[in-house]
Amino acid sequence: MTEHYSHLTDDEIMAEGAKIAEERAQGKIISVDELCARLGITLETALALAAEEASRIHGRPMRIEVLPDCLQ
């Protein structure tokens, strides 16, 4: 498995994740940018983790492709 890094400790990540889950359960929409900031990870790390989780769920390699913003 690829290593991913955060500026937070594992315990801090778990505590922040619990707060985020509670906020989402109350209907708050949390952006990817906010999630990354609160968990101390980069967007690239978030996407890599999402691809790993999707691969685990689907039982086959999955990847996330980031396309350039065509609106600029």
Foldseek 3Di string as FASTA:
>chain_A
DDDFDFPDDPVQLVVLVVVVVVCVVVPDDDDPVRNCVSRRGDSVRVQVVVQVVVCVVVVHRGHDDDDPDPVD
